[in-house]
PDB file of N, CA and C in Angstrom:
ATOM      1  N   MET A   1     -29.096  34.532  18.255  1.00  0.00           N
ATOM      2  CA  MET A   1     -29.308  33.377  17.411  1.00  0.00           C
ATOM      3  C   MET A   1     -28.790  33.642  16.004  1.00  0.00           C
ATOM      4  N   LYS A   2     -29.028  34.867  15.500  1.00  0.00           N
ATOM      5  CA  LYS A   2     -28.571  35.199  14.165  1.00  0.00           C
ATOM      6  C   LYS A   2     -27.051  35.152  14.083  1.00  0.00           C
ATOM      7  N   THR A   3     -26.398  35.580  15.163  1.00  0.00           N
ATOM      8  CA  THR A   3     -24.942  35.556  15.194  1.00  0.00           C
ATOM      9  C   THR A   3     -24.422  34.126  15.081  1.00  0.00           C
ATOM     10  N   ARG A   4     -25.063  33.201  15.761  1.00  0.00           N
ATOM     11  CA  ARG A   4     -24.629  31.803  15.697  1.00  0.00           C
ATOM     12  C   ARG A   4     -24.786  31.237  14.295  1.00  0.00           C
ATOM     13  N   SER A   5     -25.912  31.519  13.637  1.00  0.00           N
ATOM     14  CA  SER A   5     -26.114  30.989  12.294  1.00  0.00           C
ATOM     15  C   SER A   5     -25.150  31.625  11.305  1.00  0.00           C
ATOM     16  N   THR A   6     -24.851  32.895  11.493  1.00  0.00           N
ATOM     17  CA  THR A   6     -23.885  33.562  10.621  1.00  0.00           C
ATOM     18  C   THR A   6     -22.496  32.961  10.835  1.00  0.00           C
ATOM     19  N   LEU A   7     -22.137  32.738  12.091  1.00  0.00           N
ATOM     20  CA  LEU A   7     -20.838  32.148  12.397  1.00  0.00           C
ATOM     21  C   LEU A   7     -20.739  30.737  11.817  1.00  0.00           C
ATOM     22  N   ALA A   8     -21.805  29.974  11.951  1.00  0.00           N
ATOM     23  CA  ALA A   8     -21.807  28.615  11.406  1.00  0.00           C
ATOM     24  C   ALA A   8     -21.642  28.656   9.887  1.00  0.00           C
ATOM     25  N   ALA A   9     -22.304  29.583   9.216  1.00  0.00           N
ATOM     26  CA  ALA A   9     -22.188  29.703   7.761  1.00  0.00           C
ATOM     27  C   ALA A   9     -20.763  30.102   7.369  1.00  0.00           C
ATOM     28  N   LEU A  10     -20.166  31.003   8.129  1.00  0.00           N
ATOM     29  CA  LEU A  10     -18.798  31.436   7.822  1.00  0.00           C
ATOM     30  C   LEU A  10     -17.800  30.287   7.977  1.00  0.00           C
ATOM     31  N   LEU A  11     -18.061  29.378   8.907  1.00  0.00           N
ATOM     32  CA  LEU A  11     -17.177  28.244   9.110  1.00  0.00           C
ATOM     33  C   LEU A  11     -17.456  27.113   8.129  1.00  0.00           C
ATOM     34  N   PHE A  12     -18.727  26.935   7.764  1.00  0.00           N
ATOM     35  CA  PHE A  12     -19.120  25.800   6.934  1.00  0.00           C
ATOM     36  C   PHE A  12     -18.779  26.009   5.468  1.00  0.00           C
ATOM     37  N   PHE A  13     -19.082  27.161   4.909  1.00  0.00           N
ATOM     38  CA  PHE A  13     -18.887  27.371   3.473  1.00  0.00           C
ATOM     39  C   PHE A  13     -17.422  27.323   3.034  1.00  0.00           C
ATOM     40  N   PRO A  14     -16.479  27.867   3.795  1.00  0.00           N
ATOM     41  CA  PRO A  14     -15.079  27.667   3.390  1.00  0.00           C
ATOM     42  C   PRO A  14     -14.676  26.196   3.424  1.00  0.00           C
ATOM     43  N   ALA A  15     -15.254  25.439   4.339  1.00  0.00           N
ATOM     44  CA  ALA A  15     -14.937  24.007   4.405  1.00  0.00           C
ATOM     45  C   ALA A  15     -15.384  23.298   3.136  1.00  0.00           C
ATOM     46  N   LEU A  16     -16.487  23.734   2.559  1.00  0.00           N
ATOM     47  CA  LEU A  16     -16.939  23.154   1.296  1.00  0.00           C
ATOM     48  C   LEU A  16     -15.921  23.404   0.195  1.00  0.00           C
ATOM     49  N   GLY A  17     -15.367  24.594   0.167  1.00  0.00           N
ATOM     50  CA  GLY A  17     -14.359  24.918  -0.834  1.00  0.00           C
ATOM     51  C   GLY A  17     -13.087  24.119  -0.632  1.00  0.00           C
ATOM     52  N   LEU A  18     -12.708  23.892   0.620  1.00  0.00           N
ATOM     53  CA  LEU A  18     -11.507  23.106   0.907  1.00  0.00           C
ATOM     54  C   LEU A  18     -11.691  21.650   0.487  1.00  0.00           C
ATOM     55  N   ALA A  19     -12.910  21.151   0.578  1.00  0.00           N
ATOM     56  CA  ALA A  19     -13.169  19.761   0.210  1.00  0.00           C
ATOM     57  C   ALA A  19     -12.845  19.517  -1.256  1.00  0.00           C
ATOM     58  N   GLN A  20     -12.939  20.553  -2.087  1.00  0.00           N
ATOM     59  CA  GLN A  20     -12.634  20.417  -3.488  1.00  0.00           C
ATOM     60  C   GLN A  20     -11.129  20.284  -3.729  1.00  0.00           C
ATOM     61  N   ASP A  21     -10.316  20.828  -2.811  1.00  0.00           N
ATOM     62  CA  ASP A  21      -8.863  20.856  -2.984  1.00  0.00           C
ATOM     63  C   ASP A  21      -8.129  19.863  -2.093  1.00  0.00           C
ATOM     64  N   LEU A  22      -8.840  18.875  -1.572  1.00  0.00           N
ATOM     65  CA  LEU A  22      -8.204  17.935  -0.646  1.00  0.00           C
ATOM     66  C   LEU A  22      -7.138  17.096  -1.334  1.00  0.00           C
ATOM     67  N   ASP A  23      -6.112  16.801  -0.571  1.00  0.00           N
ATOM     68  CA  ASP A  23      -5.074  15.882  -1.027  1.00  0.00           C
ATOM     69  C   ASP A  23      -5.675  14.485  -1.016  1.00  0.00           C
ATOM     70  N   ARG A  24      -5.599  13.781  -2.120  1.00  0.00           N
ATOM     71  CA  ARG A  24      -6.227  12.467  -2.220  1.00  0.00           C
ATOM     72  C   ARG A  24      -5.227  11.322  -1.996  1.00  0.00           C
ATOM     73  N   SER A  25      -4.090  11.607  -1.332  1.00  0.00           N
ATOM     74  CA  SER A  25      -3.135  10.546  -1.042  1.00  0.00           C
ATOM     75  C   SER A  25      -3.638   9.734   0.152  1.00  0.00           C
ATOM     76  N   LEU A  26      -3.053   8.568   0.362  1.00  0.00           N
ATOM     77  CA  LEU A  26      -3.494   7.648   1.396  1.00  0.00           C
ATOM     78  C   LEU A  26      -3.415   8.301   2.773  1.00  0.00           C
ATOM     79  N   LEU A  27      -4.508   8.262   3.503  1.00  0.00           N
ATOM     80  CA  LEU A  27      -4.592   8.807   4.856  1.00  0.00           C
ATOM     81  C   LEU A  27      -4.427   7.652   5.839  1.00  0.00           C
ATOM     82  N   HIS A  28      -3.448   7.758   6.728  1.00  0.00           N
ATOM     83  CA  HIS A  28      -3.210   6.714   7.727  1.00  0.00           C
ATOM     84  C   HIS A  28      -3.887   7.133   9.026  1.00  0.00           C
ATOM     85  N   ILE A  29      -4.729   6.231   9.538  1.00  0.00           N
ATOM     86  CA  ILE A  29      -5.462   6.483  10.775  1.00  0.00           C
ATOM     87  C   ILE A  29      -5.085   5.387  11.764  1.00  0.00           C
ATOM     88  N   CYS A  30      -4.799   5.783  13.006  1.00  0.00           N
ATOM     89  CA  CYS A  30      -4.502   4.767  14.014  1.00  0.00           C
ATOM     90  C   CYS A  30      -5.462   4.919  15.182  1.00  0.00           C
ATOM     91  N   ASP A  31      -5.652   3.813  15.862  1.00  0.00           N
ATOM     92  CA  ASP A  31      -6.514   3.764  17.040  1.00  0.00           C
ATOM     93  C   ASP A  31      -5.868   2.784  18.020  1.00  0.00           C
ATOM     94  N   ASP A  32      -6.449   2.671  19.184  1.00  0.00           N
ATOM     95  CA  ASP A  32      -5.907   1.828  20.242  1.00  0.00           C
ATOM     96  C   ASP A  32      -6.103   0.355  19.916  1.00  0.00           C
ATOM     97  N   GLY A  33      -5.068  -0.438  20.018  1.00  0.00           N
ATOM     98  CA  GLY A  33      -5.104  -1.854  19.719  1.00  0.00           C
ATOM     99  C   GLY A  33      -5.925  -2.692  20.679  1.00  0.00           C
ATOM    100  N   ASP A  34      -6.326  -2.127  21.798  1.00  0.00           N
ATOM    101  CA  ASP A  34      -7.154  -2.874  22.746  1.00  0.00           C
ATOM    102  C   ASP A  34      -8.591  -3.030  22.258  1.00  0.00           C
ATOM    103  N   GLU A  35      -8.933  -2.355  21.175  1.00  0.00           N
ATOM    104  CA  GLU A  35     -10.266  -2.391  20.576  1.00  0.00           C
ATOM    105  C   GLU A  35     -11.304  -1.734  21.501  1.00  0.00           C
ATOM    106  N   TRP A  36     -12.344  -1.211  20.910  1.00  0.00           N
ATOM    107  CA  TRP A  36     -13.423  -0.563  21.644  1.00  0.00           C
ATOM    108  C   TRP A  36     -14.760  -0.938  21.011  1.00  0.00           C
ATOM    109  N   PRO A  37     -15.181  -2.216  21.102  1.00  0.00           N
ATOM    110  CA  PRO A  37     -16.466  -2.602  20.533  1.00  0.00           C
ATOM    111  C   PRO A  37     -17.588  -1.791  21.194  1.00  0.00           C
ATOM    112  N   PRO A  38     -18.549  -1.350  20.492  1.00  0.00           N
ATOM    113  CA  PRO A  38     -18.851  -1.591  19.082  1.00  0.00           C
ATOM    114  C   PRO A  38     -18.258  -0.545  18.146  1.00  0.00           C
ATOM    115  N   TYR A  39     -17.356   0.308  18.643  1.00  0.00           N
ATOM    116  CA  TYR A  39     -16.846   1.401  17.827  1.00  0.00           C
ATOM    117  C   TYR A  39     -15.703   0.987  16.903  1.00  0.00           C
ATOM    118  N   THR A  40     -14.709   0.333  17.440  1.00  0.00           N
ATOM    119  CA  THR A  40     -13.573  -0.119  16.640  1.00  0.00           C
ATOM    120  C   THR A  40     -13.081  -1.455  17.196  1.00  0.00           C
ATOM    121  N   TYR A  41     -13.074  -2.465  16.325  1.00  0.00           N
ATOM    122  CA  TYR A  41     -12.620  -3.790  16.758  1.00  0.00           C
ATOM    123  C   TYR A  41     -12.311  -4.643  15.536  1.00  0.00           C
ATOM    124  N   TYR A  42     -11.578  -5.734  15.774  1.00  0.00           N
ATOM    125  CA  TYR A  42     -11.276  -6.667  14.699  1.00  0.00           C
ATOM    126  C   TYR A  42     -12.474  -7.575  14.450  1.00  0.00           C
ATOM    127  N   LEU A  43     -12.806  -7.789  13.200  1.00  0.00           N
ATOM    128  CA  LEU A  43     -13.849  -8.737  12.832  1.00  0.00           C
ATOM    129  C   LEU A  43     -13.369 -10.131  13.217  1.00  0.00           C
ATOM    130  N   ARG A  44     -14.245 -10.922  13.772  1.00  0.00           N
ATOM    131  CA  ARG A  44     -13.869 -12.263  14.225  1.00  0.00           C
ATOM    132  C   ARG A  44     -14.567 -13.331  13.395  1.00  0.00           C
ATOM    133  N   TYR A  45     -13.844 -14.416  13.160  1.00  0.00           N
ATOM    134  CA  TYR A  45     -14.355 -15.570  12.444  1.00  0.00           C
ATOM    135  C   TYR A  45     -14.002 -16.792  13.284  1.00  0.00           C
ATOM    136  N   ASN A  46     -14.987 -17.563  13.694  1.00  0.00           N
ATOM    137  CA  ASN A  46     -14.775 -18.700  14.597  1.00  0.00           C
ATOM    138  C   ASN A  46     -14.009 -18.285  15.860  1.00  0.00           C
ATOM    139  N   HIS A  47     -14.387 -17.138  16.407  1.00  0.00           N
ATOM    140  CA  HIS A  47     -13.805 -16.585  17.635  1.00  0.00           C
ATOM    141  C   HIS A  47     -12.342 -16.176  17.486  1.00  0.00           C
ATOM    142  N   GLN A  48     -11.840 -16.108  16.274  1.00  0.00           N
ATOM    143  CA  GLN A  48     -10.466 -15.668  16.023  1.00  0.00           C
ATOM    144  C   GLN A  48     -10.508 -14.306  15.323  1.00  0.00           C
ATOM    145  N   ALA A  49      -9.719 -13.379  15.819  1.00  0.00           N
ATOM    146  CA  ALA A  49      -9.663 -12.055  15.189  1.00  0.00           C
ATOM    147  C   ALA A  49      -9.037 -12.158  13.803  1.00  0.00           C
ATOM    148  N   THR A  50      -9.641 -11.466  12.843  1.00  0.00           N
ATOM    149  CA  THR A  50      -9.088 -11.391  11.502  1.00  0.00           C
ATOM    150  C   THR A  50      -8.311 -10.079  11.383  1.00  0.00           C
ATOM    151  N   ALA A  51      -7.777  -9.795  10.230  1.00  0.00           N
ATOM    152  CA  ALA A  51      -7.049  -8.547  10.003  1.00  0.00           C
ATOM    153  C   ALA A  51      -7.998  -7.389   9.686  1.00  0.00           C
ATOM    154  N   GLU A  52      -9.284  -7.693   9.481  1.00  0.00           N
ATOM    155  CA  GLU A  52     -10.258  -6.659   9.092  1.00  0.00           C
ATOM    156  C   GLU A  52     -10.754  -5.909  10.325  1.00  0.00           C
ATOM    157  N   ILE A  53     -10.670  -4.584  10.258  1.00  0.00           N
ATOM    158  CA  ILE A  53     -11.136  -3.727  11.340  1.00  0.00           C
ATOM    159  C   ILE A  53     -12.529  -3.238  10.984  1.00  0.00           C
ATOM    160  N   THR A  54     -13.430  -3.298  11.950  1.00  0.00           N
ATOM    161  CA  THR A  54     -14.816  -2.913  11.708  1.00  0.00           C
ATOM    162  C   THR A  54     -15.345  -2.140  12.908  1.00  0.00           C
ATOM    163  N   GLY A  55     -16.589  -1.728  12.845  1.00  0.00           N
ATOM    164  CA  GLY A  55     -17.225  -1.031  13.947  1.00  0.00           C
ATOM    165  C   GLY A  55     -17.840   0.287  13.487  1.00  0.00           C
ATOM    166  N   TYR A  56     -18.566   0.922  14.412  1.00  0.00           N
ATOM    167  CA  TYR A  56     -19.270   2.161  14.096  1.00  0.00           C
ATOM    168  C   TYR A  56     -18.312   3.267  13.657  1.00  0.00           C
ATOM    169  N   SER A  57     -17.202   3.437  14.343  1.00  0.00           N
ATOM    170  CA  SER A  57     -16.232   4.483  13.968  1.00  0.00           C
ATOM    171  C   SER A  57     -15.702   4.252  12.560  1.00  0.00           C
ATOM    172  N   VAL A  58     -15.437   2.998  12.236  1.00  0.00           N
ATOM    173  CA  VAL A  58     -14.944   2.657  10.904  1.00  0.00           C
ATOM    174  C   VAL A  58     -16.009   2.989   9.852  1.00  0.00           C
ATOM    175  N   ASP A  59     -17.280   2.697  10.163  1.00  0.00           N
ATOM    176  CA  ASP A  59     -18.371   3.009   9.232  1.00  0.00           C
ATOM    177  C   ASP A  59     -18.476   4.510   8.980  1.00  0.00           C
ATOM    178  N   VAL A  60     -18.340   5.306  10.037  1.00  0.00           N
ATOM    179  CA  VAL A  60     -18.436   6.768   9.895  1.00  0.00           C
ATOM    180  C   VAL A  60     -17.260   7.300   9.084  1.00  0.00           C
ATOM    181  N   ILE A  61     -16.054   6.858   9.405  1.00  0.00           N
ATOM    182  CA  ILE A  61     -14.864   7.297   8.672  1.00  0.00           C
ATOM    183  C   ILE A  61     -14.982   6.907   7.196  1.00  0.00           C
ATOM    184  N   THR A  62     -15.426   5.683   6.940  1.00  0.00           N
ATOM    185  CA  THR A  62     -15.600   5.202   5.565  1.00  0.00           C
ATOM    186  C   THR A  62     -16.599   6.076   4.797  1.00  0.00           C
ATOM    187  N   ALA A  63     -17.732   6.375   5.420  1.00  0.00           N
ATOM    188  CA  ALA A  63     -18.758   7.186   4.756  1.00  0.00           C
ATOM    189  C   ALA A  63     -18.232   8.574   4.410  1.00  0.00           C
ATOM    190  N   ILE A  64     -17.513   9.189   5.326  1.00  0.00           N
ATOM    191  CA  ILE A  64     -17.012  10.554   5.091  1.00  0.00           C
ATOM    192  C   ILE A  64     -15.923  10.553   4.038  1.00  0.00           C
ATOM    193  N   LEU A  65     -14.919   9.701   4.192  1.00  0.00           N
ATOM    194  CA  LEU A  65     -13.774   9.747   3.283  1.00  0.00           C
ATOM    195  C   LEU A  65     -14.101   9.203   1.895  1.00  0.00           C
ATOM    196  N   ASN A  66     -14.965   8.199   1.809  1.00  0.00           N
ATOM    197  CA  ASN A  66     -15.358   7.700   0.491  1.00  0.00           C
ATOM    198  C   ASN A  66     -16.146   8.754  -0.290  1.00  0.00           C
ATOM    199  N   LYS A  67     -16.922   9.562   0.410  1.00  0.00           N
ATOM    200  CA  LYS A  67     -17.680  10.635  -0.241  1.00  0.00           C
ATOM    201  C   LYS A  67     -16.740  11.607  -0.967  1.00  0.00           C
ATOM    202  N   HIS A  68     -15.554  11.782  -0.403  1.00  0.00           N
ATOM    203  CA  HIS A  68     -14.571  12.708  -0.988  1.00  0.00           C
ATOM    204  C   HIS A  68     -13.467  11.968  -1.739  1.00  0.00           C
ATOM    205  N   HIS A  69     -13.631  10.666  -1.931  1.00  0.00           N
ATOM    206  CA  HIS A  69     -12.675   9.833  -2.673  1.00  0.00           C
ATOM    207  C   HIS A  69     -11.277   9.899  -2.092  1.00  0.00           C
ATOM    208  N   ILE A  70     -11.204   9.832  -0.753  1.00  0.00           N
ATOM    209  CA  ILE A  70      -9.922   9.860  -0.062  1.00  0.00           C
ATOM    210  C   ILE A  70      -9.617   8.450   0.429  1.00  0.00           C
ATOM    211  N   PRO A  71      -8.566   7.821  -0.077  1.00  0.00           N
ATOM    212  CA  PRO A  71      -8.214   6.481   0.396  1.00  0.00           C
ATOM    213  C   PRO A  71      -7.638   6.549   1.808  1.00  0.00           C
ATOM    214  N   PHE A  72      -7.911   5.515   2.600  1.00  0.00           N
ATOM    215  CA  PHE A  72      -7.415   5.506   3.972  1.00  0.00           C
ATOM    216  C   PHE A  72      -7.098   4.095   4.415  1.00  0.00           C
ATOM    217  N   GLN A  73      -6.320   4.019   5.469  1.00  0.00           N
ATOM    218  CA  GLN A  73      -5.954   2.745   6.095  1.00  0.00           C
ATOM    219  C   GLN A  73      -6.012   2.949   7.594  1.00  0.00           C
ATOM    220  N   ILE A  74      -6.700   2.044   8.280  1.00  0.00           N
ATOM    221  CA  ILE A  74      -6.812   2.121   9.744  1.00  0.00           C
ATOM    222  C   ILE A  74      -5.953   1.018  10.358  1.00  0.00           C
ATOM    223  N   ASN A  75      -5.141   1.392  11.319  1.00  0.00           N
ATOM    224  CA  ASN A  75      -4.319   0.434  12.053  1.00  0.00           C
ATOM    225  C   ASN A  75      -4.633   0.560  13.536  1.00  0.00           C
ATOM    226  N   LEU A  76      -4.753  -0.568  14.214  1.00  0.00           N
ATOM    227  CA  LEU A  76      -4.924  -0.558  15.660  1.00  0.00           C
ATOM    228  C   LEU A  76      -3.567  -0.869  16.278  1.00  0.00           C
ATOM    229  N   LEU A  77      -3.014   0.100  16.975  1.00  0.00           N
ATOM    230  CA  LEU A  77      -1.678  -0.030  17.549  1.00  0.00           C
ATOM    231  C   LEU A  77      -1.755  -0.189  19.052  1.00  0.00           C
ATOM    232  N   PRO A  78      -0.777  -0.865  19.647  1.00  0.00           N
ATOM    233  CA  PRO A  78      -0.711  -0.885  21.108  1.00  0.00           C
ATOM    234  C   PRO A  78      -0.587   0.538  21.632  1.00  0.00           C
ATOM    235  N   PHE A  79      -1.247   0.826  22.728  1.00  0.00           N
ATOM    236  CA  PHE A  79      -1.274   2.179  23.272  1.00  0.00           C
ATOM    237  C   PHE A  79       0.126   2.759  23.448  1.00  0.00           C
ATOM    238  N   ALA A  80       1.068   1.954  23.846  1.00  0.00           N
ATOM    239  CA  ALA A  80       2.440   2.425  24.080  1.00  0.00           C
ATOM    240  C   ALA A  80       3.110   2.930  22.808  1.00  0.00           C
ATOM    241  N   GLN A  81       2.658   2.479  21.629  1.00  0.00           N
ATOM    242  CA  GLN A  81       3.263   2.883  20.367  1.00  0.00           C
ATOM    243  C   GLN A  81       2.622   4.125  19.768  1.00  0.00           C
ATOM    244  N   LEU A  82       1.593   4.665  20.401  1.00  0.00           N
ATOM    245  CA  LEU A  82       0.918   5.827  19.836  1.00  0.00           C
ATOM    246  C   LEU A  82       1.758   7.101  19.945  1.00  0.00           C
ATOM    247  N   ASP A  83       2.842   7.069  20.701  1.00  0.00           N
ATOM    248  CA  ASP A  83       3.781   8.184  20.796  1.00  0.00           C
ATOM    249  C   ASP A  83       3.062   9.477  21.185  1.00  0.00           C
ATOM    250  N   LEU A  84       2.335   9.423  22.305  1.00  0.00           N
ATOM    251  CA  LEU A  84       1.615  10.585  22.788  1.00  0.00           C
ATOM    252  C   LEU A  84       2.568  11.538  23.496  1.00  0.00           C
ATOM    253  N   PRO A  85       2.332  12.846  23.370  1.00  0.00           N
ATOM    254  CA  PRO A  85       3.210  13.808  24.034  1.00  0.00           C
ATOM    255  C   PRO A  85       3.082  13.709  25.555  1.00  0.00           C
ATOM    256  N   VAL A  86       4.176  13.948  26.240  1.00  0.00           N
ATOM    257  CA  VAL A  86       4.169  13.941  27.704  1.00  0.00           C
ATOM    258  C   VAL A  86       3.762  15.314  28.178  1.00  0.00           C
ATOM    259  N   VAL A  87       2.742  15.368  29.024  1.00  0.00           N
ATOM    260  CA  VAL A  87       2.246  16.642  29.553  1.00  0.00           C
ATOM    261  C   VAL A  87       2.685  16.791  31.001  1.00  0.00           C
ATOM    262  N   GLY A  88       3.202  17.976  31.335  1.00  0.00           N
ATOM    263  CA  GLY A  88       3.535  18.264  32.729  1.00  0.00           C
ATOM    264  C   GLY A  88       4.933  18.094  32.987  1.00  0.00           C
TER     265      GLY A  88
END
């Protein structure tokens, strides 16, 4: 148990130091355009999707990045445009 807490401390404390030196340029985040309510989806008004992306994942990302004053933009892209590597 002591080894785990020591390992956690060794991993956590350097991360605190890195947070001070973070690049504060715009961070681009993409997700699947098919939406995943309640995690990531377009806000709707009169049953029409707006340009605003919302959901639990957006709330978590906002809380973390705003704490460190890192600007970000989330885009929902069609799965085919995510340019995933081909495995195998």
